[in-house]
Amino acid sequence: NPEPAILTREKFSELFTKYRTAFERIAYHYTGDHMAAEDIVTDCFLSLWDKRDEVEKPGLEAFVLVAVKRKCLTWLRDKQRHFNAHEKIKNRTSAFIELKIRTLEVC
């Protein structure tokens, strides 16, 4: 059975320094947003720190990578929901304007 990670501040700092940039590149690839990518990776490392007693030692990097993937997926789904909501508003506004134009043209 793999041993639980004993993640000291020093080890955490090393892990963060070693993988942060690569994980940010991955997150940026999916989000296209530098700030979002930085936030996602930071949140994932904070999650690792919070769960440091539960994560198995050989799986620290994998834990963060899977967390980055999941957060990117959530970010993209949220972005899609916002886009769809804006599209509905735009379509309703456009239909309303067309109705007003037709009403004025008939008069």
Protein backbone atom coordinates (compact mmCIF):
# COMPACT_ATOMS: atom_id res chain seq x y z
CA ASN A 1 0.00 0.00 0.00
CA PRO A 2 1.52 3.39 -0.97
CA GLU A 3 2.52 5.55 1.92
CA PRO A 4 0.69 8.82 2.55
CA ALA A 5 2.62 11.88 1.49
CA ILE A 6 4.43 13.72 4.20
CA LEU A 7 4.28 17.04 2.47
CA THR A 8 6.39 19.61 4.25
CA ARG A 9 6.32 23.27 3.34
CA GLU A 10 9.70 22.84 1.68
CA LYS A 11 8.53 19.89 -0.46
CA PHE A 12 5.36 21.75 -1.34
CA SER A 13 7.39 24.79 -2.37
CA GLU A 14 9.67 22.61 -4.52
CA LEU A 15 6.68 20.96 -6.17
CA PHE A 16 5.03 24.32 -6.81
CA THR A 17 8.20 25.81 -8.28
CA LYS A 18 8.86 22.76 -10.45
CA TYR A 19 5.37 22.30 -11.91
CA ARG A 20 3.54 25.62 -11.70
CA THR A 21 4.60 26.92 -15.12
CA ALA A 22 3.88 23.65 -16.91
CA PHE A 23 0.45 23.36 -15.30
CA GLU A 24 -0.31 27.00 -16.13
CA ARG A 25 0.55 26.29 -19.77
CA ILE A 26 -1.85 23.36 -19.75
CA ALA A 27 -4.60 25.45 -18.16
CA TYR A 28 -3.95 28.31 -20.60
CA HIS A 29 -4.16 25.89 -23.53
CA TYR A 30 -7.75 25.12 -22.53
CA THR A 31 -8.90 28.50 -21.21
CA GLY A 32 -7.03 30.92 -23.45
CA ASP A 33 -6.94 33.21 -20.42
CA HIS A 34 -3.67 33.82 -18.53
CA MET A 35 -5.32 35.06 -15.35
CA ALA A 36 -7.77 32.14 -15.28
CA ALA A 37 -4.91 29.69 -15.86
CA GLU A 38 -2.91 31.17 -12.97
CA ASP A 39 -5.95 31.10 -10.68
CA ILE A 40 -6.80 27.52 -11.61
CA VAL A 41 -3.27 26.28 -10.91
CA THR A 42 -3.02 28.21 -7.66
CA ASP A 43 -6.37 26.79 -6.51
CA CYS A 44 -5.22 23.27 -7.38
CA PHE A 45 -2.00 23.62 -5.41
CA LEU A 46 -3.97 25.02 -2.46
CA SER A 47 -6.24 21.99 -2.72
CA LEU A 48 -3.18 19.74 -2.60
CA TRP A 49 -1.98 21.52 0.51
CA ASP A 50 -5.40 21.15 2.14
CA LYS A 51 -5.47 17.41 1.34
CA ARG A 52 -1.76 16.75 1.85
CA ASP A 53 -2.42 14.05 4.45
CA GLU A 54 -4.72 12.12 2.09
CA VAL A 55 -2.70 12.14 -1.13
CA GLU A 56 -0.29 9.27 -1.70
CA LYS A 57 3.37 10.18 -2.07
CA PRO A 58 3.97 9.12 -5.68
CA GLY A 59 0.74 10.82 -6.73
CA LEU A 60 1.33 14.45 -5.77
CA GLU A 61 1.94 15.75 -9.30
CA ALA A 62 -0.88 13.61 -10.68
CA PHE A 63 -3.24 14.97 -8.02
CA VAL A 64 -2.54 18.54 -9.13
CA LEU A 65 -2.71 17.67 -12.83
CA VAL A 66 -6.11 15.98 -12.46
CA ALA A 67 -7.32 18.92 -10.39
CA VAL A 68 -6.16 21.34 -13.13
CA LYS A 69 -8.02 19.29 -15.74
CA ARG A 70 -11.21 19.28 -13.67
CA LYS A 71 -11.02 23.00 -12.92
CA CYS A 72 -10.44 23.78 -16.60
CA LEU A 73 -13.48 21.70 -17.46
CA THR A 74 -15.57 23.56 -14.89
CA TRP A 75 -14.22 26.90 -16.14
CA LEU A 76 -15.11 26.02 -19.75
CA ARG A 77 -18.60 24.84 -18.80
CA ASP A 78 -19.20 28.06 -16.87
CA LYS A 79 -17.92 30.08 -19.83
CA GLN A 80 -20.25 28.18 -22.15
CA ARG A 81 -23.23 28.82 -19.84
CA HIS A 82 -22.44 32.54 -19.76
CA PHE A 83 -22.04 32.63 -23.53
CA ASN A 84 -25.37 30.86 -24.03
CA ALA A 85 -27.11 33.26 -21.64
CA HIS A 86 -25.66 36.26 -23.48
CA GLU A 87 -26.75 34.77 -26.81
CA LYS A 88 -30.32 34.41 -25.53
CA ILE A 89 -30.33 38.01 -24.34
CA LYS A 90 -28.86 39.19 -27.65
CA ASN A 91 -31.43 37.22 -29.64
CA ARG A 92 -34.34 38.53 -27.57
CA THR A 93 -33.06 42.09 -27.86
CA SER A 94 -32.62 41.71 -31.60
CA ALA A 95 -36.14 40.29 -31.98
CA PHE A 96 -37.54 43.17 -29.91
CA ILE A 97 -35.75 45.74 -32.08
CA GLU A 98 -36.97 44.05 -35.27
CA LEU A 99 -40.52 44.15 -33.94
CA LYS A 100 -40.22 47.88 -33.20
CA ILE A 101 -38.80 48.53 -36.68
CA ARG A 102 -41.65 46.62 -38.35
CA THR A 103 -44.20 48.42 -36.18
CA LEU A 104 -42.80 51.80 -37.16
CA GLU A 105 -42.58 50.86 -40.84
CA VAL A 106 -46.23 49.78 -40.91
CA CYS A 107 -47.45 53.03 -39.34
